[in-house]
Amino acid sequence: MLDPKLLRDKPEWLTERLNTRGDDFGPTVQQLVLLDRERRASQTEVGRLQAESNQIGKQVGALLRSGLAADAQEVLALKQQGRDLGDSLARLQEQERTLDEQFGKLLLTLPNVPQPVVPVGKDETENKEVRRWGEPRTFDFEPLPHWEIGEKLGLLGFERATKVAQTRFALLVGDGALLERALIWFMLDRHRAHGYSEVLPPYLVNTTALTGTGQLPKFAEDSFRCQDDELWLIPTAEVPVTNLYAGEVLSAAELPIHHCAFTPCFRREAGSYGRDTRGLIRLHQFHKVELVKFCRPEHSEAEHESLVADAEDILQKLELPYRVLELCTGDLGFSASRCFDLEVWLPSQQRYREISSCSNFLDFQARRAKLRFKDPDKKGTEFLHTLNGSGLAVGRTFAAILENYQNADGTVSVPRVLRPYLGKDLLSP
C-alpha cells in the first residue's frame, strides 16, 4: 500500500512514476485524491461535532449541579440540541466509514512506485542485463528437453500425474523424487549457512495474509481458494512468512530478520494458456525455497544486493550458467519497487529462463500488513522494509540440471555438490 501522503503532497509525481509501468493511473490517483479530501473533511466535521456534543454535556451537568431541575426549559433545550447533534454525528460517522472503505479498497489497487533507478521500459524486452555467470556448454549431440530426459530415465511421469489431477501437474519417481529432495535440502543448507533462520509455515493462508503481501485483490484469479473455509493455497512462501509479524511492532534490535522456507506452491497460471505446456517450467503445483527479509529502511538496498547474491550462490555451486536482469518498469511485479531476475540457461531452448525473482518492496507490504518497528531513539513507530526472492524454484532447477548435465548415452551427471545428498554420481535408466 502506498503512503497516503503521496496523494496529498505529490499526486502529479505519483501519477508520472506509476505510469512508467505502462498503464494510465491518473484517473485512479485523482479519484483517490478527491476521496481523501472528502474523508478528511468528514473526519474534521466529526471531530467538531463530538467536541460540541461534549460541551453541551458539560453545560447540562453544570446547570444540574447549580440546582436547576432536570425538566427545566433550559436543560431540556440543551438536551434536545445534544440529541440533534447525536443524530448528525451518527450520519457523519457512517459517511466517514463509507469514505474510508472506498478509499482503502481503491488504494489497494495501486501498485508500488518504481524506484528512480529502475530502467523505464514497456515490457520484458526492455529489461536490462546486469551480468552473466558461466558459459553455456557446447554439446556434440542434439540436447534433449528435460521432460524427454526425465521420462526416458524414469524420473518423471506426467501421464500418471494428469490421471490423478489434471494437466500441468508432475509426478516425480525414484531418483527423480530423490533429486528434488536433494535440491531442497542443499538449498536450505546453503541459506542456513548464510544466516537465514528456517521456518516451515502453513500452506493455507487467510484473505488478510494474501492482501498483506499484494496478491489480493489483483491476483485472485491466479490463486486456488478453499471457499468453505475462506482459506487459500499459498502461491509462494512469501505470503505466510511475510505475515508472521503482521500487526506487530518489532524492536529495532530484532532487525534485520532473515528467513528461508521450503514449501509447495500453488498457482492457476491464469493467462498463460499455451505457454510451457510441457515439462516443469509452468505447473499448478511446484516446490520452492523462498528467502524473506525484514529490515530498517536505510538498510534495504544493501539487503537487496545480498539477497540476489544468496540466490546466485545456489546456481554457482550447481555450476549452472545464468544471467541477472534488472526488470524495467513495465515488467515490474505489482508489489515490487525494484527487482532482479535470475535466468538459468536451458540448452534445449537455447535461451535463459527465469529461476528466481529478487524484489525489494520498501514499505509497500509493511503498510498493508502493518509491519512496524520501534527505534528507542525516535518517537513513534516506523514501517519496516520487506524483501523476498526464490532461492530457488526447485522444479526449474531440476529441469536445468537434466538439460545442462545430460550425456550422449542418455544418462545425466549429478552436480558435484549434490553427490553427497544423492549418494551417486550418475542418473541412469
Protein backbone atom coordinates (compact mmCIF):
# COMPACT_ATOMS: atom_id res chain seq x y z
CA MET A 1 0.00 0.00 0.00
CA LEU A 2 1.27 3.44 -0.87
CA ASP A 3 1.75 6.19 1.69
CA PRO A 4 -1.43 8.35 1.52
CA LYS A 5 0.80 11.42 1.97
CA LEU A 6 1.97 10.92 -1.62
CA LEU A 7 -1.59 11.56 -2.79
CA ARG A 8 -1.78 14.78 -0.83
CA ASP A 9 1.71 16.14 -1.39
CA LYS A 10 2.84 14.77 -4.78
CA PRO A 11 -0.11 13.47 -6.85
CA GLU A 12 1.42 14.56 -10.18
CA TRP A 13 4.77 12.93 -9.38
CA LEU A 14 2.99 9.78 -8.18
CA THR A 15 0.97 9.53 -11.38
CA GLU A 16 4.07 10.06 -13.53
CA ARG A 17 6.04 7.36 -11.72
CA LEU A 18 3.19 4.84 -11.74
CA ASN A 19 2.53 5.44 -15.44
CA THR A 20 6.04 4.19 -16.24
CA ARG A 21 4.56 0.76 -15.55
CA GLY A 22 2.64 1.05 -18.81
CA ASP A 23 -0.88 1.87 -17.64
CA ASP A 24 -2.65 5.18 -17.05
CA PHE A 25 -3.07 5.51 -13.30
CA GLY A 26 -4.05 9.19 -13.48
CA PRO A 27 -7.83 8.67 -13.08
CA THR A 28 -7.34 6.36 -10.08
CA VAL A 29 -4.91 8.76 -8.41
CA GLN A 30 -7.28 11.67 -8.99
CA GLN A 31 -10.22 9.72 -7.58
CA LEU A 32 -8.15 8.83 -4.52
CA VAL A 33 -7.14 12.46 -4.04
CA LEU A 34 -10.82 13.51 -4.05
CA LEU A 35 -11.85 10.68 -1.71
CA ASP A 36 -9.01 11.57 0.63
CA ARG A 37 -10.16 15.20 0.78
CA GLU A 38 -13.74 14.13 1.44
CA ARG A 39 -12.84 11.67 4.18
CA ARG A 40 -10.50 14.11 5.92
CA ALA A 41 -13.17 16.84 5.73
CA SER A 42 -15.64 14.34 7.20
CA GLN A 43 -13.17 13.46 9.96
CA THR A 44 -12.76 17.14 10.79
CA GLU A 45 -16.53 17.68 10.95
CA VAL A 46 -17.00 14.57 13.10
CA GLY A 47 -14.37 15.90 15.47
CA ARG A 48 -16.07 19.29 15.62
CA LEU A 49 -19.48 17.79 16.37
CA GLN A 50 -18.03 15.47 19.00
CA ALA A 51 -16.41 18.44 20.72
CA GLU A 52 -19.69 20.42 20.54
CA SER A 53 -21.61 17.45 21.92
CA ASN A 54 -19.17 17.12 24.80
CA GLN A 55 -19.50 20.82 25.53
CA ILE A 56 -23.31 20.54 25.68
CA GLY A 57 -22.97 17.62 28.06
CA LYS A 58 -20.79 19.74 30.33
CA GLN A 59 -23.28 22.62 30.20
CA VAL A 60 -26.15 20.31 31.20
CA GLY A 61 -24.10 18.97 34.07
CA ALA A 62 -23.19 22.43 35.26
CA LEU A 63 -26.86 23.51 35.22
CA LEU A 64 -27.94 20.47 37.18
CA ARG A 65 -25.18 20.99 39.74
CA SER A 66 -26.30 24.61 40.12
CA GLY A 67 -29.67 23.34 41.37
CA LEU A 68 -31.71 23.68 38.21
CA ALA A 69 -34.35 20.97 37.78
CA ALA A 70 -33.89 18.28 35.13
CA ASP A 71 -37.12 19.32 33.45
CA ALA A 72 -36.23 22.99 33.37
CA GLN A 73 -36.71 24.56 29.98
CA GLU A 74 -33.03 25.50 29.65
CA VAL A 75 -31.92 21.95 30.47
CA LEU A 76 -34.47 20.36 28.11
CA ALA A 77 -33.39 22.69 25.28
CA LEU A 78 -29.74 21.71 25.72
CA LYS A 79 -30.63 18.01 25.83
CA GLN A 80 -32.64 18.32 22.61
CA GLN A 81 -29.72 20.12 21.00
CA GLY A 82 -27.50 17.26 22.12
CA ARG A 83 -29.86 14.67 20.58
CA ASP A 84 -29.94 16.58 17.31
CA LEU A 85 -26.15 16.71 17.32
CA GLY A 86 -26.05 12.98 18.04
CA ASP A 87 -28.21 12.23 15.00
CA SER A 88 -26.00 14.40 12.79
CA LEU A 89 -22.89 12.80 14.26
CA ALA A 90 -24.19 9.28 13.55
CA ARG A 91 -24.88 10.17 9.91
CA LEU A 92 -21.43 11.73 9.54
CA GLN A 93 -19.69 8.76 11.16
CA GLU A 94 -21.44 6.40 8.77
CA GLN A 95 -20.39 8.63 5.88
CA GLU A 96 -16.84 8.62 7.21
CA ARG A 97 -16.80 4.82 7.43
CA THR A 98 -18.09 4.57 3.85
CA LEU A 99 -15.46 7.00 2.57
CA ASP A 100 -12.69 5.21 4.45
CA GLU A 101 -13.79 1.88 2.98
CA GLN A 102 -13.94 3.28 -0.55
CA PHE A 103 -10.55 4.94 -0.15
CA GLY A 104 -8.93 1.83 1.32
CA LYS A 105 -10.25 -0.52 -1.38
CA LEU A 106 -9.19 1.78 -4.19
CA LEU A 107 -5.76 2.38 -2.67
CA LEU A 108 -5.18 -1.39 -2.66
CA THR A 109 -5.46 -1.40 -6.47
CA LEU A 110 -2.43 0.87 -6.95
CA PRO A 111 0.92 -0.91 -7.44
CA ASN A 112 4.17 0.07 -5.79
CA VAL A 113 6.13 3.04 -7.10
CA PRO A 114 9.22 2.01 -9.13
CA GLN A 115 12.43 3.35 -7.63
CA PRO A 116 14.08 6.13 -9.66
CA VAL A 117 16.98 3.82 -10.62
CA VAL A 118 14.66 1.27 -12.25
CA PRO A 119 15.04 1.40 -16.06
CA VAL A 120 11.92 2.68 -17.80
CA GLY A 121 10.54 0.23 -20.35
CA LYS A 122 7.30 -1.14 -21.72
CA ASP A 123 7.78 -4.90 -21.15
CA GLU A 124 10.28 -7.74 -20.64
CA THR A 125 12.03 -6.93 -23.92
CA GLU A 126 13.40 -3.80 -22.28
CA ASN A 127 14.81 -5.42 -19.16
CA LYS A 128 18.46 -4.61 -18.54
CA GLU A 129 21.06 -7.36 -18.42
CA VAL A 130 23.38 -6.78 -15.45
CA ARG A 131 25.82 -9.70 -15.68
CA ARG A 132 26.32 -13.30 -16.73
CA TRP A 133 27.96 -16.19 -14.95
CA GLY A 134 29.28 -19.36 -16.56
CA GLU A 135 29.49 -20.36 -20.20
CA PRO A 136 26.73 -22.43 -21.80
CA ARG A 137 28.01 -25.90 -22.58
CA THR A 138 28.77 -26.86 -26.18
CA PHE A 139 27.20 -30.23 -26.99
CA ASP A 140 28.48 -32.68 -29.62
CA PHE A 141 24.93 -34.07 -29.85
CA GLU A 142 21.43 -32.58 -30.01
CA PRO A 143 20.45 -31.79 -26.39
CA LEU A 144 17.02 -33.06 -25.36
CA PRO A 145 14.42 -31.10 -23.39
CA HIS A 146 14.23 -32.01 -19.73
CA TRP A 147 10.84 -33.73 -19.95
CA GLU A 148 12.13 -36.21 -22.53
CA ILE A 149 15.25 -36.87 -20.47
CA GLY A 150 13.19 -37.33 -17.31
CA GLU A 151 10.71 -39.71 -18.90
CA LYS A 152 13.44 -41.81 -20.55
CA LEU A 153 15.27 -42.14 -17.22
CA GLY A 154 12.05 -42.90 -15.35
CA LEU A 155 12.36 -39.74 -13.24
CA LEU A 156 9.17 -38.01 -14.40
CA GLY A 157 5.64 -39.26 -15.02
CA PHE A 158 3.33 -36.66 -16.50
CA GLU A 159 0.58 -39.03 -17.70
CA ARG A 160 0.01 -40.54 -14.26
CA ALA A 161 0.04 -37.08 -12.67
CA THR A 162 -2.66 -36.00 -15.13
CA LYS A 163 -4.67 -39.11 -14.30
CA VAL A 164 -4.85 -38.26 -10.58
CA ALA A 165 -5.11 -34.47 -11.04
CA GLN A 166 -5.09 -32.73 -14.43
CA THR A 167 -2.60 -31.23 -16.86
CA ARG A 168 0.20 -29.02 -15.53
CA PHE A 169 0.99 -31.44 -12.72
CA ALA A 170 4.08 -33.66 -12.49
CA LEU A 171 4.92 -36.94 -10.79
CA LEU A 172 8.50 -37.46 -9.60
CA VAL A 173 9.60 -41.08 -9.44
CA GLY A 174 12.60 -42.89 -7.92
CA ASP A 175 15.76 -40.88 -8.43
CA GLY A 176 13.58 -38.02 -9.65
CA ALA A 177 11.98 -37.72 -6.22
CA LEU A 178 15.44 -38.12 -4.68
CA LEU A 179 16.91 -35.34 -6.83
CA GLU A 180 14.05 -32.99 -5.90
CA ARG A 181 14.55 -33.72 -2.20
CA ALA A 182 18.32 -33.33 -2.52
CA LEU A 183 17.91 -29.91 -4.13
CA ILE A 184 15.59 -28.74 -1.36
CA TRP A 185 17.97 -29.96 1.34
CA PHE A 186 21.00 -28.45 -0.39
CA MET A 187 19.33 -25.05 -0.86
CA LEU A 188 18.21 -24.89 2.76
CA ASP A 189 21.66 -25.90 3.98
CA ARG A 190 23.30 -23.11 1.96
CA HIS A 191 20.86 -20.45 3.12
CA ARG A 192 21.11 -21.51 6.75
CA ALA A 193 24.88 -21.20 6.41
CA HIS A 194 24.34 -17.62 5.18
CA GLY A 195 22.43 -16.75 8.35
CA TYR A 196 18.81 -17.37 7.36
CA SER A 197 16.55 -18.82 10.03
CA GLU A 198 14.47 -21.66 8.59
CA VAL A 199 10.71 -21.75 9.09
CA LEU A 200 8.08 -24.21 7.90
CA PRO A 201 4.90 -22.13 7.55
CA PRO A 202 1.26 -23.13 6.86
CA TYR A 203 0.43 -23.93 3.25
CA LEU A 204 -3.05 -22.41 3.60
CA VAL A 205 -3.50 -18.74 4.44
CA ASN A 206 -6.38 -16.35 5.01
CA THR A 207 -7.51 -13.48 2.83
CA THR A 208 -5.83 -10.92 5.09
CA ALA A 209 -2.43 -12.55 4.59
CA LEU A 210 -2.75 -12.55 0.79
CA THR A 211 -3.87 -8.93 0.88
CA GLY A 212 -0.91 -8.04 3.07
CA THR A 213 1.66 -9.15 0.50
CA GLY A 214 -0.24 -7.79 -2.51
CA GLN A 215 -1.64 -10.97 -4.10
CA LEU A 216 -5.16 -9.77 -3.36
CA PRO A 217 -7.25 -8.28 -4.73
CA LYS A 218 -5.36 -8.11 -8.03
CA PHE A 219 -4.34 -11.77 -8.45
CA ALA A 220 -7.39 -13.59 -7.09
CA GLU A 221 -7.91 -15.44 -10.38
CA ASP A 222 -4.39 -16.87 -10.19
CA SER A 223 -4.91 -18.40 -6.74
CA PHE A 224 -6.62 -21.57 -5.51
CA ARG A 225 -9.34 -20.82 -2.95
CA CYS A 226 -10.97 -23.12 -0.42
CA GLN A 227 -14.37 -21.43 -0.29
CA ASP A 228 -15.81 -23.43 2.61
CA ASP A 229 -13.05 -22.26 4.93
CA GLU A 230 -12.14 -18.87 3.43
CA LEU A 231 -8.55 -20.07 3.03
CA TRP A 232 -6.22 -20.01 0.03
CA LEU A 233 -3.42 -22.33 -1.06
CA ILE A 234 -0.21 -20.35 -0.98
CA PRO A 235 1.26 -19.18 -4.32
CA THR A 236 4.65 -18.80 -2.59
CA ALA A 237 6.10 -18.99 0.93
CA GLU A 238 6.45 -15.21 0.73
CA VAL A 239 2.82 -14.91 1.84
CA PRO A 240 2.84 -16.80 5.17
CA VAL A 241 6.42 -15.84 6.08
CA THR A 242 5.96 -12.10 5.45
CA ASN A 243 2.78 -12.17 7.52
CA LEU A 244 4.39 -13.90 10.50
CA TYR A 245 4.86 -10.47 12.08
CA ALA A 246 1.72 -8.80 10.72
CA GLY A 247 0.23 -6.28 13.13
CA GLU A 248 3.28 -6.42 15.40
CA VAL A 249 5.72 -3.76 16.48
CA LEU A 250 9.23 -5.21 16.47
CA SER A 251 12.14 -3.64 18.28
CA ALA A 252 14.93 -2.16 16.20
CA ALA A 253 17.29 -4.59 17.93
CA GLU A 254 15.44 -7.53 16.33
CA LEU A 255 16.22 -6.32 12.81
CA PRO A 256 17.23 -7.49 10.33
CA ILE A 257 15.29 -10.76 10.27
CA HIS A 258 16.21 -13.27 7.55
CA HIS A 259 14.02 -16.34 6.99
CA CYS A 260 14.24 -19.18 4.49
CA ALA A 261 11.36 -21.55 3.90
CA PHE A 262 10.63 -24.57 1.75
CA THR A 263 7.01 -25.01 0.68
CA PRO A 264 4.94 -26.40 -2.13
CA CYS A 265 3.38 -23.56 -4.13
CA PHE A 266 0.07 -23.50 -6.00
CA ARG A 267 -0.87 -21.26 -8.92
CA ARG A 268 -3.60 -21.40 -11.53
CA GLU A 269 -1.28 -19.82 -14.10
CA ALA A 270 -4.22 -17.78 -15.35
CA GLY A 271 -3.43 -16.05 -18.62
CA SER A 272 -0.64 -18.47 -19.54
CA TYR A 273 -2.70 -20.68 -21.85
CA GLY A 274 -0.49 -22.31 -24.46
CA ARG A 275 2.79 -21.34 -22.75
CA ASP A 276 5.21 -24.02 -21.50
CA THR A 277 2.58 -26.74 -21.68
CA ARG A 278 5.24 -29.46 -21.36
CA GLY A 279 7.76 -30.05 -18.62
CA LEU A 280 8.40 -28.45 -15.26
CA ILE A 281 8.54 -24.75 -16.12
CA ARG A 282 4.91 -23.76 -15.55
CA LEU A 283 2.96 -26.06 -13.22
CA HIS A 284 -0.04 -25.65 -10.94
CA GLN A 285 1.92 -27.23 -8.08
CA PHE A 286 5.67 -26.85 -7.61
CA HIS A 287 8.30 -26.61 -4.89
CA LYS A 288 10.28 -23.53 -3.98
CA VAL A 289 12.76 -22.39 -1.37
CA GLU A 290 11.98 -18.78 -0.52
CA LEU A 291 14.10 -16.08 1.11
CA VAL A 292 12.30 -13.34 3.06
CA LYS A 293 13.89 -10.34 4.77
CA PHE A 294 12.67 -7.67 7.19
CA CYS A 295 14.92 -4.67 7.76
CA ARG A 296 15.20 -0.99 8.59
CA PRO A 297 14.51 1.35 5.63
CA GLU A 298 18.08 2.60 5.42
CA HIS A 299 19.39 -0.96 5.00
CA SER A 300 17.02 -2.31 2.34
CA GLU A 301 19.21 -1.50 -0.67
CA ALA A 302 22.18 -3.40 0.78
CA GLU A 303 19.88 -6.23 1.87
CA HIS A 304 18.56 -6.43 -1.70
CA GLU A 305 22.07 -6.85 -3.10
CA SER A 306 22.91 -9.61 -0.63
CA LEU A 307 19.59 -11.34 -1.35
CA VAL A 308 20.46 -11.53 -5.05
CA ALA A 309 23.94 -12.83 -4.17
CA ASP A 310 22.48 -15.57 -1.95
CA ALA A 311 20.22 -16.75 -4.78
CA GLU A 312 23.13 -16.63 -7.24
CA ASP A 313 25.22 -18.71 -4.86
CA ILE A 314 22.96 -21.72 -5.40
CA LEU A 315 23.37 -21.56 -9.19
CA GLN A 316 27.11 -21.10 -8.90
CA LYS A 317 27.50 -24.08 -6.56
CA LEU A 318 25.45 -26.15 -9.01
CA GLU A 319 27.64 -24.79 -11.85
CA LEU A 320 24.65 -23.76 -13.93
CA PRO A 321 25.14 -20.85 -16.38
CA TYR A 322 22.83 -17.93 -15.68
CA ARG A 323 22.34 -14.22 -16.15
CA VAL A 324 20.98 -11.44 -13.94
CA LEU A 325 18.43 -8.97 -15.31
CA GLU A 326 17.10 -5.80 -13.76
CA LEU A 327 13.41 -5.59 -14.59
CA CYS A 328 12.18 -2.44 -16.28
CA THR A 329 9.17 -0.54 -15.01
CA GLY A 330 6.80 -2.25 -17.45
CA ASP A 331 7.77 -5.74 -16.26
CA LEU A 332 7.95 -4.97 -12.55
CA GLY A 333 5.73 -7.02 -10.25
CA PHE A 334 2.73 -5.33 -8.62
CA SER A 335 4.25 -5.04 -5.13
CA ALA A 336 7.90 -4.57 -6.09
CA SER A 337 9.72 -1.25 -6.22
CA ARG A 338 12.80 -2.86 -7.76
CA CYS A 339 13.50 -6.41 -8.92
CA PHE A 340 16.35 -8.53 -10.26
CA ASP A 341 15.58 -11.78 -12.08
CA LEU A 342 17.98 -14.70 -12.29
CA GLU A 343 17.62 -16.68 -15.51
CA VAL A 344 19.22 -20.10 -15.95
CA TRP A 345 20.40 -21.45 -19.31
CA LEU A 346 18.28 -24.20 -20.89
CA PRO A 347 20.18 -25.86 -23.78
CA SER A 348 17.08 -27.35 -25.43
CA GLN A 349 15.56 -23.88 -25.79
CA GLN A 350 18.86 -22.11 -26.42
CA ARG A 351 17.84 -19.33 -24.06
CA TYR A 352 17.79 -18.23 -20.44
CA ARG A 353 14.64 -18.86 -18.36
CA GLU A 354 13.62 -17.25 -15.08
CA ILE A 355 14.50 -19.23 -11.97
CA SER A 356 14.34 -16.52 -9.30
CA SER A 357 12.93 -13.03 -8.80
CA CYS A 358 14.51 -10.98 -6.02
CA SER A 359 12.37 -7.99 -5.06
CA ASN A 360 12.58 -5.02 -2.74
CA PHE A 361 9.12 -3.85 -1.67
CA LEU A 362 10.25 -0.93 0.52
CA ASP A 363 7.35 -0.25 2.93
CA PHE A 364 4.60 -1.28 0.46
CA GLN A 365 3.85 -4.67 2.04
CA ALA A 366 4.57 -3.36 5.54
CA ARG A 367 1.79 -0.79 5.23
CA ARG A 368 -0.69 -3.42 4.03
CA ALA A 369 0.28 -5.96 6.71
CA LYS A 370 1.01 -3.37 9.44
CA LEU A 371 4.63 -4.41 9.92
CA ARG A 372 6.35 -1.85 12.12
CA PHE A 373 9.36 -1.42 14.37
CA LYS A 374 10.28 0.90 17.23
CA ASP A 375 13.60 2.70 17.44
CA PRO A 376 14.21 3.71 21.08
CA ASP A 377 15.96 6.87 19.89
CA LYS A 378 12.92 8.08 17.91
CA LYS A 379 9.34 8.95 18.67
CA GLY A 380 6.59 6.66 17.47
CA THR A 381 6.94 3.64 15.20
CA GLU A 382 8.13 3.19 11.61
CA PHE A 383 7.17 0.81 8.84
CA LEU A 384 9.96 -1.64 8.14
CA HIS A 385 11.03 -2.76 4.66
CA THR A 386 10.41 -6.24 3.27
CA LEU A 387 12.27 -8.17 0.57
CA ASN A 388 11.98 -11.63 -0.87
CA GLY A 389 13.36 -13.88 -3.58
CA SER A 390 13.39 -17.50 -4.69
CA GLY A 391 16.40 -19.37 -3.58
CA LEU A 392 15.47 -21.20 -5.86
CA ALA A 393 12.45 -22.53 -7.75
CA VAL A 394 13.18 -26.24 -7.26
CA GLY A 395 11.41 -27.65 -10.34
CA ARG A 396 13.12 -25.24 -12.69
CA THR A 397 16.47 -26.07 -11.08
CA PHE A 398 15.66 -29.77 -11.60
CA ALA A 399 14.95 -29.07 -15.29
CA ALA A 400 18.16 -27.06 -15.70
CA ILE A 401 20.25 -29.87 -14.20
CA LEU A 402 18.76 -32.51 -16.51
CA GLU A 403 19.41 -30.35 -19.58
CA ASN A 404 22.85 -28.98 -18.72
CA TYR A 405 24.24 -32.24 -17.32
CA GLN A 406 22.82 -34.66 -19.91
CA ASN A 407 25.18 -37.05 -21.69
CA ALA A 408 25.15 -38.54 -25.17
CA ASP A 409 24.32 -42.03 -23.80
CA GLY A 410 21.12 -40.74 -22.19
CA THR A 411 22.47 -40.54 -18.65
CA VAL A 412 22.70 -37.37 -16.55
CA SER A 413 25.72 -36.48 -14.43
CA VAL A 414 24.95 -35.34 -10.91
CA PRO A 415 26.39 -31.90 -9.99
CA ARG A 416 29.32 -32.32 -7.61
CA VAL A 417 27.67 -30.51 -4.68
CA LEU A 418 24.63 -32.82 -4.88
CA ARG A 419 26.51 -36.11 -4.93
CA PRO A 420 26.68 -36.42 -1.13
CA TYR A 421 22.92 -35.88 -0.99
CA LEU A 422 22.07 -38.43 -3.70
CA GLY A 423 24.82 -40.91 -2.94
CA LYS A 424 25.59 -41.30 -6.64
CA ASP A 425 27.42 -39.54 -9.49
CA LEU A 426 25.12 -40.53 -12.35
CA LEU A 427 21.42 -40.78 -13.09
CA SER A 428 20.75 -43.68 -15.44
CA PRO A 429 17.76 -45.79 -16.52
